[in-house]
Every structure is written in structure tokens, then in C-alpha cells.
Amino acid sequence: MSRRLCRASIALAAWLGLAPVAAAHGSGSASQPTDPLGIALAWRLDLPIIVGLVLASVGYVAAARAVDRAHPGNPWSRARTASFVAGLAAIGLALVSPIDALSETLLTVHMVQHLLLTAVAPPLLAASGIATLALRSASNGSRDRLLLPILHGRVVAVLTFPLVGWLGFPLAMWASHVSGLYNLALLDDGVHAVEHLLYLGAALLFWWPMFSPDPLRWRLHPAVRLFGLVMQMPPMSFLAITIVSAPAPLYSAYLGRPDAFGVDALTDQRIAGSLMWLTNDVAFLVAAAFLIAIWLRHEAAETRRIDARLARSRRDEQARREI
């Protein structure tokens, strides 16, 4: 593999490490559209985010094609490529589309933005196998001297330890929603950036051990991953219930703004909480279905290995008897 491709793969992996920072940029929209045409045209030209997402997509696809050329008998999975591009598209949709423009007017739209950053983009990026692609596209020297030491290093081992994401994700969601952080993010672009960074980063830490095919130190049995996923549903549901059942608006920043589309702040909050409840449950159930399929394939492969071992044992025993 050429040095140029190796450097591109390393740069892509480095960009992905910084992607949450780039994606965490606050909206800072000066005015909020209310008419259909204004909403449809309310795309925000944020060059760092757009350029970063495009470069990451191009780099990933280029690396995948290089692997296909180098290993025609074992090409890169098209499903993983689609997963990666879809994950980046979800980030872009959350941060530069009209969703971002309306997030300061309607809590429901703000919730859609955060759900894209926590329940849609992270599992798609995790399933894309970015580290595996980097390893396959890098030269032997770069893989042994740089990529593998990073992947097997202490920092990555700690960050990908399943309990870190399993505890950190709901903690980040609860701490931000029931504290002043969520409301402050509506008033300050810097805090808004921190909020997006917190959500996307915490969600990635949770979803990566669940779906990543990368050679992580901690490899959980699919049944354990399924159990961890299911046990994540109650805290997320209780948070949504807390938002829905609140007797008054939780975020005062929405009180000082005109009712958008005839929806008052409390009704908007209840719709947002209901959307959070429904979307998270659907996301977890879809993820659970994929983990069940992975579990079944794992058990089928294990059964084949056991059958092959037993067959070899029988052949060896028969050979000994013939002797």
C-alpha cells in the first residue's frame, strides 16, 4: 500500500477522533424562519462541518476502494461504507439543515437534533469499522508502528471499556437535561458547542462496543451486548417521562420567544419528551434486533466449529483404531 494512502488513512482516523469537536459547533442562528419556504431554505453554511464531513466521506470511500483493489477476494463491505456515509449524513442533517435553524424556536426540533446526534449517527459510525478499514489500507510498517499501538493503547482501552459508555451516556443525558446546561446552551453558542460534543461523544462511547467490528480490547459476547442495550432503555425512558410529566416548562429560554406554529412552551416540551421516549425505544429495539441477528450468526458459527472439531476427533479415533 502506498505511503500516500497510509497517510490518508491516518488523517481520516485522526479526523474521526476530532469529529465530535467539529460537529459540536453551536448554531448561532440570528433569526428563525416561520414560513414553509423560509424553513426549507434555512440551511446553514458552516464550512468546517461541511468540509470535514465531505472529506471524511471521500477519504473513507477512497480507502475502501483501495482495499478492494488490493484484496479482490476479500473486498470491503458495502454495508459498512453505507453505514459510515449515513452516519455522517445524520450529523450534517442535525447541524446544518433547517433542523438546526428551528432548534432554538421549538424544543421538539431541538430534540430531533439531539436524537440524530445520539441515537442515529453513533451506531451507524460504530458499525462502519473505521479502525479496521484504516488497518487494512495502511502499510505494514504504519499498521505495526502507529495504528495498532494506538488501538491497543491504554487510552483507547479505557474509553472503549463497555461500562464507561454504558454509564457515561445516560449520565450525560440526565445531567444536561435536569441541570441548567440545556437551557444555557440555548443562550450561548459556546455552551451549545459543548452540549453537542457531550452528546455525540458520550453516545459514541456507548454504541462503539455494541456494534463496532474493530479489534477492540474488550470483545463482548452478543448476548452480553444485548443485555446491556436492553438495560439502557429504562433510564432513557424515565428521562423522557420526566420531561413529559413536568408541570411547567423546564427551559426558560423558550419562554421569552413567541409561540412557534401556535404551540406554547409546555405543549412543545411534552411533544419533545414524547418524541424522545418513542425514538429512543425504537432505536434500541432496532439495535436489539441487529444484536439478536449477530448473536444467531455467532451461535451458528460456534456450532460449525464444534461440529468440525468433533468430526476431526472421530476421524482421528477411527485412524487410531485402524492402526
C-alpha atoms as a PDB file:
ATOM      1  CA  MET A   1       0.000   0.000   0.000  1.00  0.00           C
ATOM      2  CA  SER A   2       1.374   3.430  -0.912  1.00  0.00           C
ATOM      3  CA  ARG A   3       2.588   5.898   1.661  1.00  0.00           C
ATOM      4  CA  ARG A   4       0.054   8.418   0.379  1.00  0.00           C
ATOM      5  CA  LEU A   5      -2.828   6.052   1.114  1.00  0.00           C
ATOM      6  CA  CYS A   6      -1.344   5.279   4.508  1.00  0.00           C
ATOM      7  CA  ARG A   7      -1.167   8.971   5.370  1.00  0.00           C
ATOM      8  CA  ALA A   8      -4.724   9.476   4.122  1.00  0.00           C
ATOM      9  CA  SER A   9      -5.975   6.638   6.294  1.00  0.00           C
ATOM     10  CA  ILE A  10      -4.215   8.023   9.345  1.00  0.00           C
ATOM     11  CA  ALA A  11      -5.560  11.507   8.649  1.00  0.00           C
ATOM     12  CA  LEU A  12      -9.063  10.090   8.291  1.00  0.00           C
ATOM     13  CA  ALA A  13      -8.787   8.273  11.600  1.00  0.00           C
ATOM     14  CA  ALA A  14      -7.477  11.442  13.230  1.00  0.00           C
ATOM     15  CA  TRP A  15     -10.342  13.473  11.798  1.00  0.00           C
ATOM     16  CA  LEU A  16     -12.841  10.995  13.168  1.00  0.00           C
ATOM     17  CA  GLY A  17     -11.273  11.399  16.573  1.00  0.00           C
ATOM     18  CA  LEU A  18     -11.925  15.130  16.306  1.00  0.00           C
ATOM     19  CA  ALA A  19     -15.281  14.820  14.570  1.00  0.00           C
ATOM     20  CA  PRO A  20     -17.305  15.365  17.728  1.00  0.00           C
ATOM     21  CA  VAL A  21     -15.460  18.636  18.285  1.00  0.00           C
ATOM     22  CA  ALA A  22     -16.178  19.819  14.761  1.00  0.00           C
ATOM     23  CA  ALA A  23     -19.782  18.687  14.976  1.00  0.00           C
ATOM     24  CA  ALA A  24     -20.313  20.357  18.317  1.00  0.00           C
ATOM     25  CA  HIS A  25     -20.360  23.858  16.836  1.00  0.00           C
ATOM     26  CA  GLY A  26     -23.307  25.859  18.082  1.00  0.00           C
ATOM     27  CA  SER A  27     -25.996  27.177  15.815  1.00  0.00           C
ATOM     28  CA  GLY A  28     -25.885  30.892  16.441  1.00  0.00           C
ATOM     29  CA  SER A  29     -28.741  31.491  14.042  1.00  0.00           C
ATOM     30  CA  ALA A  30     -29.741  35.143  14.025  1.00  0.00           C
ATOM     31  CA  SER A  31     -33.380  34.712  13.017  1.00  0.00           C
ATOM     32  CA  GLN A  32     -35.746  31.790  12.982  1.00  0.00           C
ATOM     33  CA  PRO A  33     -37.885  31.108   9.871  1.00  0.00           C
ATOM     34  CA  THR A  34     -41.594  30.506  10.311  1.00  0.00           C
ATOM     35  CA  ASP A  35     -42.923  30.211   6.735  1.00  0.00           C
ATOM     36  CA  PRO A  36     -42.558  26.927   4.792  1.00  0.00           C
ATOM     37  CA  LEU A  37     -40.235  28.407   2.166  1.00  0.00           C
ATOM     38  CA  GLY A  38     -38.054  30.067   4.778  1.00  0.00           C
ATOM     39  CA  ILE A  39     -37.807  26.795   6.703  1.00  0.00           C
ATOM     40  CA  ALA A  40     -36.909  24.815   3.581  1.00  0.00           C
ATOM     41  CA  LEU A  41     -34.146  27.277   2.729  1.00  0.00           C
ATOM     42  CA  ALA A  42     -32.770  27.615   6.254  1.00  0.00           C
ATOM     43  CA  TRP A  43     -29.593  25.637   5.628  1.00  0.00           C
ATOM     44  CA  ARG A  44     -26.544  26.952   7.475  1.00  0.00           C
ATOM     45  CA  LEU A  45     -23.274  27.241   5.561  1.00  0.00           C
ATOM     46  CA  ASP A  46     -20.865  26.062   8.257  1.00  0.00           C
ATOM     47  CA  LEU A  47     -17.730  25.337   6.251  1.00  0.00           C
ATOM     48  CA  PRO A  48     -15.724  23.495   8.949  1.00  0.00           C
ATOM     49  CA  ILE A  49     -18.539  20.987   9.447  1.00  0.00           C
ATOM     50  CA  ILE A  50     -19.426  20.619   5.754  1.00  0.00           C
ATOM     51  CA  VAL A  51     -15.812  20.307   4.583  1.00  0.00           C
ATOM     52  CA  GLY A  52     -14.987  17.911   7.403  1.00  0.00           C
ATOM     53  CA  LEU A  53     -17.939  15.644   6.630  1.00  0.00           C
ATOM     54  CA  VAL A  54     -17.234  15.649   2.891  1.00  0.00           C
ATOM     55  CA  LEU A  55     -13.529  14.934   3.352  1.00  0.00           C
ATOM     56  CA  ALA A  56     -14.279  12.109   5.767  1.00  0.00           C
ATOM     57  CA  SER A  57     -16.732  10.549   3.315  1.00  0.00           C
ATOM     58  CA  VAL A  58     -14.328  10.853   0.398  1.00  0.00           C
ATOM     59  CA  GLY A  59     -11.436   9.511   2.463  1.00  0.00           C
ATOM     60  CA  TYR A  60     -13.420   6.522   3.678  1.00  0.00           C
ATOM     61  CA  VAL A  61     -14.674   5.626   0.190  1.00  0.00           C
ATOM     62  CA  ALA A  62     -11.171   6.037  -1.265  1.00  0.00           C
ATOM     63  CA  ALA A  63      -9.705   3.765   1.401  1.00  0.00           C
ATOM     64  CA  ALA A  64     -12.455   1.184   0.798  1.00  0.00           C
ATOM     65  CA  ARG A  65     -11.738   1.182  -2.940  1.00  0.00           C
ATOM     66  CA  ALA A  66      -8.025   0.783  -2.280  1.00  0.00           C
ATOM     67  CA  VAL A  67      -8.773  -2.270  -0.114  1.00  0.00           C
ATOM     68  CA  ASP A  68     -10.977  -3.664  -2.901  1.00  0.00           C
ATOM     69  CA  ARG A  69      -8.148  -3.289  -5.415  1.00  0.00           C
ATOM     70  CA  ALA A  70      -5.572  -4.810  -3.096  1.00  0.00           C
ATOM     71  CA  HIS A  71      -7.809  -7.675  -1.938  1.00  0.00           C
ATOM     72  CA  PRO A  72     -10.305  -8.534  -4.707  1.00  0.00           C
ATOM     73  CA  GLY A  73     -11.091 -11.817  -2.988  1.00  0.00           C
ATOM     74  CA  ASN A  74     -11.962 -10.069   0.251  1.00  0.00           C
ATOM     75  CA  PRO A  75     -13.381  -6.643  -0.664  1.00  0.00           C
ATOM     76  CA  TRP A  76     -14.554  -4.068   1.825  1.00  0.00           C
ATOM     77  CA  SER A  77     -18.174  -4.399   2.926  1.00  0.00           C
ATOM     78  CA  ARG A  78     -20.546  -2.106   1.039  1.00  0.00           C
ATOM     79  CA  ALA A  79     -22.844  -2.165   4.051  1.00  0.00           C
ATOM     80  CA  ARG A  80     -20.102  -0.693   6.240  1.00  0.00           C
ATOM     81  CA  THR A  81     -19.446   2.043   3.704  1.00  0.00           C
ATOM     82  CA  ALA A  82     -23.144   2.864   3.566  1.00  0.00           C
ATOM     83  CA  SER A  83     -23.275   2.891   7.366  1.00  0.00           C
ATOM     84  CA  PHE A  84     -20.402   5.362   7.573  1.00  0.00           C
ATOM     85  CA  VAL A  85     -21.818   7.736   4.974  1.00  0.00           C
ATOM     86  CA  ALA A  86     -25.276   7.557   6.566  1.00  0.00           C
ATOM     87  CA  GLY A  87     -23.799   8.361   9.967  1.00  0.00           C
ATOM     88  CA  LEU A  88     -22.040  11.441   8.624  1.00  0.00           C
ATOM     89  CA  ALA A  89     -25.222  12.446   6.799  1.00  0.00           C
ATOM     90  CA  ALA A  90     -27.122  12.274  10.096  1.00  0.00           C
ATOM     91  CA  ILE A  91     -24.571  14.609  11.693  1.00  0.00           C
ATOM     92  CA  GLY A  92     -24.840  17.000   8.771  1.00  0.00           C
ATOM     93  CA  LEU A  93     -28.633  16.898   8.881  1.00  0.00           C
ATOM     94  CA  ALA A  94     -28.565  17.738  12.577  1.00  0.00           C
ATOM     95  CA  LEU A  95     -26.118  20.628  12.330  1.00  0.00           C
ATOM     96  CA  VAL A  96     -26.508  22.433   9.013  1.00  0.00           C
ATOM     97  CA  SER A  97     -30.080  21.698   7.899  1.00  0.00           C
ATOM     98  CA  PRO A  98     -33.270  23.598   8.840  1.00  0.00           C
ATOM     99  CA  ILE A  99     -33.379  21.361  11.921  1.00  0.00           C
ATOM    100  CA  ASP A 100     -30.597  23.468  13.384  1.00  0.00           C
ATOM    101  CA  ALA A 101     -32.333  26.710  12.384  1.00  0.00           C
ATOM    102  CA  LEU A 102     -35.557  25.717  14.164  1.00  0.00           C
ATOM    103  CA  SER A 103     -33.908  24.144  17.216  1.00  0.00           C
ATOM    104  CA  GLU A 104     -33.843  27.481  19.030  1.00  0.00           C
ATOM    105  CA  THR A 105     -37.550  28.047  18.403  1.00  0.00           C
ATOM    106  CA  LEU A 106     -39.037  24.627  19.173  1.00  0.00           C
ATOM    107  CA  LEU A 107     -37.810  22.205  21.821  1.00  0.00           C
ATOM    108  CA  THR A 108     -39.281  19.388  19.721  1.00  0.00           C
ATOM    109  CA  VAL A 109     -36.961  20.242  16.835  1.00  0.00           C
ATOM    110  CA  HIS A 110     -34.062  20.641  19.267  1.00  0.00           C
ATOM    111  CA  MET A 111     -34.844  17.143  20.490  1.00  0.00           C
ATOM    112  CA  VAL A 112     -34.786  15.840  16.902  1.00  0.00           C
ATOM    113  CA  GLN A 113     -31.339  17.379  16.516  1.00  0.00           C
ATOM    114  CA  HIS A 114     -30.056  15.682  19.651  1.00  0.00           C
ATOM    115  CA  LEU A 115     -31.607  12.336  18.742  1.00  0.00           C
ATOM    116  CA  LEU A 116     -29.764  12.432  15.418  1.00  0.00           C
ATOM    117  CA  LEU A 117     -26.533  13.002  17.354  1.00  0.00           C
ATOM    118  CA  THR A 118     -27.148  10.292  19.960  1.00  0.00           C
ATOM    119  CA  ALA A 119     -29.422   7.586  18.539  1.00  0.00           C
ATOM    120  CA  VAL A 120     -28.802   7.672  14.772  1.00  0.00           C
ATOM    121  CA  ALA A 121     -25.274   8.797  13.853  1.00  0.00           C
ATOM    122  CA  PRO A 122     -23.260   6.990  16.587  1.00  0.00           C
ATOM    123  CA  PRO A 123     -24.475   3.413  15.952  1.00  0.00           C
ATOM    124  CA  LEU A 124     -24.041   3.905  12.211  1.00  0.00           C
ATOM    125  CA  LEU A 125     -20.487   5.178  12.648  1.00  0.00           C
ATOM    126  CA  ALA A 126     -19.701   2.395  15.109  1.00  0.00           C
ATOM    127  CA  ALA A 127     -20.851  -0.263  12.653  1.00  0.00           C
ATOM    128  CA  SER A 128     -18.712   1.177   9.846  1.00  0.00           C
ATOM    129  CA  GLY A 129     -15.465  -0.384  11.090  1.00  0.00           C
ATOM    130  CA  ILE A 130     -13.337   2.719  10.554  1.00  0.00           C
ATOM    131  CA  ALA A 131     -10.383   1.354  12.530  1.00  0.00           C
ATOM    132  CA  THR A 132     -10.488  -1.940  10.644  1.00  0.00           C
ATOM    133  CA  LEU A 133     -10.510  -0.054   7.347  1.00  0.00           C
ATOM    134  CA  ALA A 134      -7.522   2.013   8.459  1.00  0.00           C
ATOM    135  CA  LEU A 135      -5.645  -1.162   9.397  1.00  0.00           C
ATOM    136  CA  ARG A 136      -6.396  -2.853   6.091  1.00  0.00           C
ATOM    137  CA  SER A 137      -5.486   0.182   3.994  1.00  0.00           C
ATOM    138  CA  ALA A 138      -2.265   1.090   5.829  1.00  0.00           C
ATOM    139  CA  SER A 139       1.175  -0.247   5.039  1.00  0.00           C
ATOM    140  CA  ASN A 140       2.574  -2.982   7.260  1.00  0.00           C
ATOM    141  CA  GLY A 141       5.020  -0.608   8.886  1.00  0.00           C
ATOM    142  CA  SER A 142       2.439   2.074   9.666  1.00  0.00           C
ATOM    143  CA  ARG A 143      -0.008  -0.514  10.916  1.00  0.00           C
ATOM    144  CA  ASP A 144       2.519  -2.085  13.295  1.00  0.00           C
ATOM    145  CA  ARG A 145       4.253   1.080  14.465  1.00  0.00           C
ATOM    146  CA  LEU A 146       1.326   3.506  14.676  1.00  0.00           C
ATOM    147  CA  LEU A 147      -2.211   2.179  14.296  1.00  0.00           C
ATOM    148  CA  LEU A 148      -2.021  -0.998  16.377  1.00  0.00           C
ATOM    149  CA  PRO A 149      -0.233   0.684  19.322  1.00  0.00           C
ATOM    150  CA  ILE A 150      -2.964   3.343  19.361  1.00  0.00           C
ATOM    151  CA  LEU A 151      -5.809   0.828  19.145  1.00  0.00           C
ATOM    152  CA  HIS A 152      -4.264  -1.384  21.820  1.00  0.00           C
ATOM    153  CA  GLY A 153      -3.094   1.516  23.963  1.00  0.00           C
ATOM    154  CA  ARG A 154      -4.353   2.394  27.416  1.00  0.00           C
ATOM    155  CA  VAL A 155      -6.397   5.431  26.358  1.00  0.00           C
ATOM    156  CA  VAL A 156      -8.437   3.532  23.770  1.00  0.00           C
ATOM    157  CA  ALA A 157      -8.771   0.572  26.138  1.00  0.00           C
ATOM    158  CA  VAL A 158     -10.245   2.800  28.846  1.00  0.00           C
ATOM    159  CA  LEU A 159     -12.552   4.732  26.503  1.00  0.00           C
ATOM    160  CA  THR A 160     -13.904   1.556  24.880  1.00  0.00           C
ATOM    161  CA  PHE A 161     -14.375  -0.309  28.170  1.00  0.00           C
ATOM    162  CA  PRO A 162     -18.116  -1.043  27.941  1.00  0.00           C
ATOM    163  CA  LEU A 163     -19.021   0.306  31.382  1.00  0.00           C
ATOM    164  CA  VAL A 164     -17.556   3.724  30.514  1.00  0.00           C
ATOM    165  CA  GLY A 165     -20.074   4.328  27.745  1.00  0.00           C
ATOM    166  CA  TRP A 166     -22.864   2.393  29.437  1.00  0.00           C
ATOM    167  CA  LEU A 167     -22.704   4.659  32.491  1.00  0.00           C
ATOM    168  CA  GLY A 168     -21.487   7.830  30.805  1.00  0.00           C
ATOM    169  CA  PHE A 169     -24.207   8.052  28.156  1.00  0.00           C
ATOM    170  CA  PRO A 170     -27.259   8.173  30.466  1.00  0.00           C
ATOM    171  CA  LEU A 171     -25.308  10.292  32.962  1.00  0.00           C
ATOM    172  CA  ALA A 172     -24.589  12.885  30.273  1.00  0.00           C
ATOM    173  CA  MET A 173     -28.218  12.914  29.151  1.00  0.00           C
ATOM    174  CA  TRP A 174     -29.664  13.200  32.648  1.00  0.00           C
ATOM    175  CA  ALA A 175     -27.116  15.741  33.894  1.00  0.00           C
ATOM    176  CA  SER A 176     -27.687  18.067  30.942  1.00  0.00           C
ATOM    177  CA  HIS A 177     -31.479  17.853  30.829  1.00  0.00           C
ATOM    178  CA  VAL A 178     -32.168  18.328  34.537  1.00  0.00           C
ATOM    179  CA  SER A 179     -29.477  20.952  35.135  1.00  0.00           C
ATOM    180  CA  GLY A 180     -29.022  24.417  33.704  1.00  0.00           C
ATOM    181  CA  LEU A 181     -26.792  23.193  30.863  1.00  0.00           C
ATOM    182  CA  TYR A 182     -29.623  22.544  28.410  1.00  0.00           C
ATOM    183  CA  ASN A 183     -31.140  25.979  28.968  1.00  0.00           C
ATOM    184  CA  LEU A 184     -27.768  27.734  28.875  1.00  0.00           C
ATOM    185  CA  ALA A 185     -26.990  26.063  25.550  1.00  0.00           C
ATOM    186  CA  LEU A 186     -29.961  27.918  24.067  1.00  0.00           C
ATOM    187  CA  LEU A 187     -28.442  31.234  25.110  1.00  0.00           C
ATOM    188  CA  ASP A 188     -24.734  30.721  24.449  1.00  0.00           C
ATOM    189  CA  ASP A 189     -23.154  29.248  21.310  1.00  0.00           C
ATOM    190  CA  GLY A 190     -20.087  28.075  23.208  1.00  0.00           C
ATOM    191  CA  VAL A 191     -22.183  26.089  25.657  1.00  0.00           C
ATOM    192  CA  HIS A 192     -24.227  24.795  22.729  1.00  0.00           C
ATOM    193  CA  ALA A 193     -20.985  23.501  21.238  1.00  0.00           C
ATOM    194  CA  VAL A 194     -20.069  21.773  24.500  1.00  0.00           C
ATOM    195  CA  GLU A 195     -23.527  20.235  24.643  1.00  0.00           C
ATOM    196  CA  HIS A 196     -23.237  18.743  21.156  1.00  0.00           C
ATOM    197  CA  LEU A 197     -19.751  17.485  21.942  1.00  0.00           C
ATOM    198  CA  LEU A 198     -21.008  15.887  25.149  1.00  0.00           C
ATOM    199  CA  TYR A 199     -23.929  14.137  23.477  1.00  0.00           C
ATOM    200  CA  LEU A 200     -22.110  12.837  20.428  1.00  0.00           C
ATOM    201  CA  GLY A 201     -19.028  11.796  22.387  1.00  0.00           C
ATOM    202  CA  ALA A 202     -20.973  10.008  25.130  1.00  0.00           C
ATOM    203  CA  ALA A 203     -23.171   8.256  22.566  1.00  0.00           C
ATOM    204  CA  LEU A 204     -20.146   7.082  20.574  1.00  0.00           C
ATOM    205  CA  LEU A 205     -18.597   5.621  23.722  1.00  0.00           C
ATOM    206  CA  PHE A 206     -21.818   3.701  24.353  1.00  0.00           C
ATOM    207  CA  TRP A 207     -22.509   2.462  20.826  1.00  0.00           C
ATOM    208  CA  TRP A 208     -18.934   1.588  19.766  1.00  0.00           C
ATOM    209  CA  PRO A 209     -18.556  -1.546  21.955  1.00  0.00           C
ATOM    210  CA  MET A 210     -22.065  -2.588  20.900  1.00  0.00           C
ATOM    211  CA  PHE A 211     -21.606  -2.653  17.131  1.00  0.00           C
ATOM    212  CA  SER A 212     -18.015  -1.976  16.157  1.00  0.00           C
ATOM    213  CA  PRO A 213     -16.244  -4.754  14.219  1.00  0.00           C
ATOM    214  CA  ASP A 214     -12.909  -3.127  15.080  1.00  0.00           C
ATOM    215  CA  PRO A 215     -10.269  -5.083  17.041  1.00  0.00           C
ATOM    216  CA  LEU A 216     -11.089  -3.618  20.445  1.00  0.00           C
ATOM    217  CA  ARG A 217      -9.531  -4.996  23.604  1.00  0.00           C
ATOM    218  CA  TRP A 218     -12.933  -5.652  25.151  1.00  0.00           C
ATOM    219  CA  ARG A 219     -14.932  -8.057  22.992  1.00  0.00           C
ATOM    220  CA  LEU A 220     -18.332  -8.802  24.496  1.00  0.00           C
ATOM    221  CA  HIS A 221     -20.460 -11.804  23.662  1.00  0.00           C
ATOM    222  CA  PRO A 222     -23.523 -10.715  21.646  1.00  0.00           C
ATOM    223  CA  ALA A 223     -25.778 -11.824  24.497  1.00  0.00           C
ATOM    224  CA  VAL A 224     -23.950  -9.509  26.914  1.00  0.00           C
ATOM    225  CA  ARG A 225     -24.217  -6.637  24.456  1.00  0.00           C
ATOM    226  CA  LEU A 226     -27.923  -7.302  24.049  1.00  0.00           C
ATOM    227  CA  PHE A 227     -28.420  -7.309  27.812  1.00  0.00           C
ATOM    228  CA  GLY A 228     -26.518  -4.036  28.163  1.00  0.00           C
ATOM    229  CA  LEU A 229     -28.583  -2.464  25.408  1.00  0.00           C
ATOM    230  CA  VAL A 230     -31.896  -3.509  26.933  1.00  0.00           C
ATOM    231  CA  MET A 231     -30.833  -2.286  30.369  1.00  0.00           C
ATOM    232  CA  GLN A 232     -30.099   1.129  28.863  1.00  0.00           C
ATOM    233  CA  MET A 233     -33.748   1.629  27.938  1.00  0.00           C
ATOM    234  CA  PRO A 234     -35.199   2.335  31.440  1.00  0.00           C
ATOM    235  CA  PRO A 235     -33.008   5.351  32.308  1.00  0.00           C
ATOM    236  CA  MET A 236     -33.664   6.910  28.902  1.00  0.00           C
ATOM    237  CA  SER A 237     -37.400   6.268  29.188  1.00  0.00           C
ATOM    238  CA  PHE A 238     -37.519   7.705  32.709  1.00  0.00           C
ATOM    239  CA  LEU A 239     -35.774  10.856  31.475  1.00  0.00           C
ATOM    240  CA  ALA A 240     -38.359  11.254  28.732  1.00  0.00           C
ATOM    241  CA  ILE A 241     -41.165  10.659  31.246  1.00  0.00           C
ATOM    242  CA  THR A 242     -39.659  13.350  33.491  1.00  0.00           C
ATOM    243  CA  ILE A 243     -39.768  15.836  30.625  1.00  0.00           C
ATOM    244  CA  VAL A 244     -43.298  14.872  29.580  1.00  0.00           C
ATOM    245  CA  SER A 245     -44.758  14.965  33.094  1.00  0.00           C
ATOM    246  CA  ALA A 246     -43.167  18.252  34.188  1.00  0.00           C
ATOM    247  CA  PRO A 247     -45.972  20.638  35.274  1.00  0.00           C
ATOM    248  CA  ALA A 248     -44.149  23.697  33.907  1.00  0.00           C
ATOM    249  CA  PRO A 249     -41.583  24.418  31.188  1.00  0.00           C
ATOM    250  CA  LEU A 250     -38.140  23.211  32.232  1.00  0.00           C
ATOM    251  CA  TYR A 251     -36.166  25.513  29.967  1.00  0.00           C
ATOM    252  CA  SER A 252     -36.887  29.190  30.485  1.00  0.00           C
ATOM    253  CA  ALA A 253     -35.099  30.214  27.278  1.00  0.00           C
ATOM    254  CA  TYR A 254     -38.140  29.080  25.315  1.00  0.00           C
ATOM    255  CA  LEU A 255     -40.478  31.232  27.414  1.00  0.00           C
ATOM    256  CA  GLY A 256     -39.131  34.501  26.084  1.00  0.00           C
ATOM    257  CA  ARG A 257     -39.830  33.600  22.479  1.00  0.00           C
ATOM    258  CA  PRO A 258     -43.095  33.819  20.544  1.00  0.00           C
ATOM    259  CA  ASP A 259     -45.150  30.650  20.371  1.00  0.00           C
ATOM    260  CA  ALA A 260     -43.948  28.871  17.235  1.00  0.00           C
ATOM    261  CA  PHE A 261     -46.617  27.440  14.959  1.00  0.00           C
ATOM    262  CA  GLY A 262     -49.248  28.058  17.647  1.00  0.00           C
ATOM    263  CA  VAL A 263     -47.568  25.697  20.155  1.00  0.00           C
ATOM    264  CA  ASP A 264     -46.898  27.008  23.641  1.00  0.00           C
ATOM    265  CA  ALA A 265     -43.721  26.101  25.521  1.00  0.00           C
ATOM    266  CA  LEU A 266     -45.292  23.479  27.791  1.00  0.00           C
ATOM    267  CA  THR A 267     -47.057  21.666  24.942  1.00  0.00           C
ATOM    268  CA  ASP A 268     -43.854  21.805  22.905  1.00  0.00           C
ATOM    269  CA  GLN A 269     -41.964  20.313  25.848  1.00  0.00           C
ATOM    270  CA  ARG A 270     -44.422  17.444  26.189  1.00  0.00           C
ATOM    271  CA  ILE A 271     -44.225  16.688  22.475  1.00  0.00           C
ATOM    272  CA  ALA A 272     -40.424  16.767  22.672  1.00  0.00           C
ATOM    273  CA  GLY A 273     -40.370  14.388  25.638  1.00  0.00           C
ATOM    274  CA  SER A 274     -42.773  12.008  23.900  1.00  0.00           C
ATOM    275  CA  LEU A 275     -40.621  12.086  20.783  1.00  0.00           C
ATOM    276  CA  MET A 276     -37.538  11.343  22.883  1.00  0.00           C
ATOM    277  CA  TRP A 277     -39.309   8.399  24.527  1.00  0.00           C
ATOM    278  CA  LEU A 278     -40.586   6.932  21.252  1.00  0.00           C
ATOM    279  CA  THR A 279     -37.431   7.477  19.205  1.00  0.00           C
ATOM    280  CA  ASN A 280     -35.066   6.073  21.808  1.00  0.00           C
ATOM    281  CA  ASP A 281     -37.255   2.998  22.286  1.00  0.00           C
ATOM    282  CA  VAL A 282     -37.437   2.421  18.527  1.00  0.00           C
ATOM    283  CA  ALA A 283     -33.674   2.931  18.146  1.00  0.00           C
ATOM    284  CA  PHE A 284     -32.917   0.497  20.962  1.00  0.00           C
ATOM    285  CA  LEU A 285     -35.381  -2.089  19.634  1.00  0.00           C
ATOM    286  CA  VAL A 286     -33.915  -1.882  16.117  1.00  0.00           C
ATOM    287  CA  ALA A 287     -30.424  -2.184  17.594  1.00  0.00           C
ATOM    288  CA  ALA A 288     -31.597  -5.151  19.673  1.00  0.00           C
ATOM    289  CA  ALA A 289     -32.879  -6.864  16.529  1.00  0.00           C
ATOM    290  CA  PHE A 290     -29.456  -6.450  14.896  1.00  0.00           C
ATOM    291  CA  LEU A 291     -27.725  -7.795  18.003  1.00  0.00           C
ATOM    292  CA  ILE A 292     -30.030 -10.815  18.034  1.00  0.00           C
ATOM    293  CA  ALA A 293     -29.100 -11.480  14.398  1.00  0.00           C
ATOM    294  CA  ILE A 294     -25.406 -11.136  15.310  1.00  0.00           C
ATOM    295  CA  TRP A 295     -25.945 -13.499  18.233  1.00  0.00           C
ATOM    296  CA  LEU A 296     -27.609 -16.094  15.998  1.00  0.00           C
ATOM    297  CA  ARG A 297     -24.765 -15.896  13.474  1.00  0.00           C
ATOM    298  CA  HIS A 298     -22.265 -16.206  16.307  1.00  0.00           C
ATOM    299  CA  GLU A 299     -24.007 -19.312  17.653  1.00  0.00           C
ATOM    300  CA  ALA A 300     -24.242 -20.828  14.167  1.00  0.00           C
ATOM    301  CA  ALA A 301     -20.531 -20.263  13.612  1.00  0.00           C
ATOM    302  CA  GLU A 302     -19.741 -21.725  17.032  1.00  0.00           C
ATOM    303  CA  THR A 303     -21.866 -24.774  16.221  1.00  0.00           C
ATOM    304  CA  ARG A 304     -19.990 -25.266  12.953  1.00  0.00           C
ATOM    305  CA  ARG A 305     -16.660 -25.037  14.779  1.00  0.00           C
ATOM    306  CA  ILE A 306     -17.785 -27.600  17.362  1.00  0.00           C
ATOM    307  CA  ASP A 307     -19.092 -29.947  14.663  1.00  0.00           C
ATOM    308  CA  ALA A 308     -15.825 -29.647  12.723  1.00  0.00           C
ATOM    309  CA  ARG A 309     -13.808 -30.369  15.870  1.00  0.00           C
ATOM    310  CA  LEU A 310     -15.942 -33.411  16.680  1.00  0.00           C
ATOM    311  CA  ALA A 311     -15.628 -34.647  13.104  1.00  0.00           C
ATOM    312  CA  ARG A 312     -11.828 -34.372  13.305  1.00  0.00           C
ATOM    313  CA  SER A 313     -11.871 -36.216  16.623  1.00  0.00           C
ATOM    314  CA  ARG A 314     -13.929 -39.038  15.128  1.00  0.00           C
ATOM    315  CA  ARG A 315     -11.613 -39.289  12.127  1.00  0.00           C
ATOM    316  CA  ASP A 316      -8.558 -39.368  14.389  1.00  0.00           C
ATOM    317  CA  GLU A 317     -10.141 -42.018  16.579  1.00  0.00           C
ATOM    318  CA  GLN A 318     -11.036 -44.129  13.553  1.00  0.00           C
ATOM    319  CA  ALA A 319      -7.494 -43.770  12.210  1.00  0.00           C
ATOM    320  CA  ARG A 320      -6.046 -44.944  15.548  1.00  0.00           C
ATOM    321  CA  ARG A 321      -8.333 -47.980  15.555  1.00  0.00           C
ATOM    322  CA  GLU A 322      -7.291 -48.896  12.020  1.00  0.00           C
ATOM    323  CA  ILE A 323      -3.645 -48.792  13.090  1.00  0.00           C
END
